[in-house]
Amino acid sequence: MILADGADEAEERAEDVGKSAEHEYVNELGQTVRRVFVSVLEVQDLGEQELEDGVEVFSRHFRAT
């Protein structure tokens, strides 16, 4: 979740958060796993005043084949 004054600001800040979370590691099988930011899919106004900045309210994980 991103606290912002509008959709454009929210999208820009979400991209920054996503890019800063990119990383890679080696899993228990010796495979390199990469967490890569691709895009902001959508921006939605949650209409709440008491939510805190940075709380994740939705995510989706994809596996490359």
C-alpha atoms as a PDB file:
ATOM      1  CA  MET A   1       0.000   0.000   0.000  1.00  0.00           C
ATOM      2  CA  ILE A   2       1.202   3.491  -0.822  1.00  0.00           C
ATOM      3  CA  LEU A   3      -0.074   6.696   0.734  1.00  0.00           C
ATOM      4  CA  ALA A   4      -0.200   9.367  -1.966  1.00  0.00           C
ATOM      5  CA  ASP A   5      -2.093  12.475  -3.041  1.00  0.00           C
ATOM      6  CA  GLY A   6      -3.154  10.946  -6.359  1.00  0.00           C
ATOM      7  CA  ALA A   7      -2.869   8.020  -8.748  1.00  0.00           C
ATOM      8  CA  ASP A   8       0.209   9.344 -10.568  1.00  0.00           C
ATOM      9  CA  GLU A   9       2.161   9.835  -7.346  1.00  0.00           C
ATOM     10  CA  ALA A  10       1.032   6.431  -6.065  1.00  0.00           C
ATOM     11  CA  GLU A  11       2.198   4.685  -9.233  1.00  0.00           C
ATOM     12  CA  GLU A  12       5.592   6.416  -9.182  1.00  0.00           C
ATOM     13  CA  ARG A  13       6.164   5.559  -5.531  1.00  0.00           C
ATOM     14  CA  ALA A  14       4.997   1.960  -6.083  1.00  0.00           C
ATOM     15  CA  GLU A  15       7.548   1.564  -8.886  1.00  0.00           C
ATOM     16  CA  ASP A  16      10.278   2.843  -6.570  1.00  0.00           C
ATOM     17  CA  VAL A  17       9.269   0.379  -3.837  1.00  0.00           C
ATOM     18  CA  GLY A  18       9.146  -2.508  -6.316  1.00  0.00           C
ATOM     19  CA  LYS A  19      12.543  -1.733  -7.813  1.00  0.00           C
ATOM     20  CA  SER A  20      14.149  -1.377  -4.383  1.00  0.00           C
ATOM     21  CA  ALA A  21      12.881  -4.854  -3.395  1.00  0.00           C
ATOM     22  CA  GLU A  22      14.608  -6.625  -6.303  1.00  0.00           C
ATOM     23  CA  HIS A  23      17.112  -9.234  -5.195  1.00  0.00           C
ATOM     24  CA  GLU A  24      18.404 -12.725  -5.899  1.00  0.00           C
ATOM     25  CA  TYR A  25      19.473 -15.729  -3.844  1.00  0.00           C
ATOM     26  CA  VAL A  26      20.374 -19.383  -4.268  1.00  0.00           C
ATOM     27  CA  ASN A  27      17.648 -21.789  -3.111  1.00  0.00           C
ATOM     28  CA  GLU A  28      18.071 -25.190  -1.471  1.00  0.00           C
ATOM     29  CA  LEU A  29      18.403 -26.832  -4.921  1.00  0.00           C
ATOM     30  CA  GLY A  30      21.309 -24.576  -5.858  1.00  0.00           C
ATOM     31  CA  GLN A  31      19.177 -22.580  -8.307  1.00  0.00           C
ATOM     32  CA  THR A  32      19.414 -18.823  -8.507  1.00  0.00           C
ATOM     33  CA  VAL A  33      16.072 -17.214  -7.700  1.00  0.00           C
ATOM     34  CA  ARG A  34      15.539 -13.624  -8.795  1.00  0.00           C
ATOM     35  CA  ARG A  35      12.849 -11.307  -7.481  1.00  0.00           C
ATOM     36  CA  VAL A  36      12.391  -8.758 -10.262  1.00  0.00           C
ATOM     37  CA  PHE A  37       9.966  -5.848 -10.420  1.00  0.00           C
ATOM     38  CA  VAL A  38       8.038  -5.880 -13.704  1.00  0.00           C
ATOM     39  CA  SER A  39       5.316  -3.234 -13.460  1.00  0.00           C
ATOM     40  CA  VAL A  40       2.521  -1.691 -11.452  1.00  0.00           C
ATOM     41  CA  LEU A  41      -0.614  -3.474 -12.652  1.00  0.00           C
ATOM     42  CA  GLU A  42      -3.148  -1.046 -11.272  1.00  0.00           C
ATOM     43  CA  VAL A  43      -3.697   1.717  -8.751  1.00  0.00           C
ATOM     44  CA  GLN A  44      -6.796   1.578  -6.566  1.00  0.00           C
ATOM     45  CA  ASP A  45      -8.077   4.021  -3.976  1.00  0.00           C
ATOM     46  CA  LEU A  46      -8.709   1.947  -0.837  1.00  0.00           C
ATOM     47  CA  GLY A  47     -10.802   4.704   0.689  1.00  0.00           C
ATOM     48  CA  GLU A  48      -9.359   4.137   4.172  1.00  0.00           C
ATOM     49  CA  GLN A  49      -7.819   6.791   6.395  1.00  0.00           C
ATOM     50  CA  GLU A  50      -6.196   4.559   9.049  1.00  0.00           C
ATOM     51  CA  LEU A  51      -4.016   2.250   6.929  1.00  0.00           C
ATOM     52  CA  GLU A  52      -0.248   2.598   7.325  1.00  0.00           C
ATOM     53  CA  ASP A  53       2.220   3.376   4.536  1.00  0.00           C
ATOM     54  CA  GLY A  54       4.006   0.278   3.201  1.00  0.00           C
ATOM     55  CA  VAL A  55       1.388  -2.355   4.127  1.00  0.00           C
ATOM     56  CA  GLU A  56       0.989  -4.950   1.369  1.00  0.00           C
ATOM     57  CA  VAL A  57      -2.656  -5.480   0.452  1.00  0.00           C
ATOM     58  CA  PHE A  58      -2.200  -7.627  -2.671  1.00  0.00           C
ATOM     59  CA  SER A  59       0.524  -9.575  -4.439  1.00  0.00           C
ATOM     60  CA  ARG A  60       0.827 -12.175  -7.155  1.00  0.00           C
ATOM     61  CA  HIS A  61       3.753 -14.520  -7.732  1.00  0.00           C
ATOM     62  CA  PHE A  62       4.742 -15.781 -11.169  1.00  0.00           C
ATOM     63  CA  ARG A  63       7.086 -18.635 -12.042  1.00  0.00           C
ATOM     64  CA  ALA A  64       9.024 -18.606 -15.280  1.00  0.00           C
ATOM     65  CA  THR A  65       8.883 -21.952 -17.106  1.00  0.00           C
END
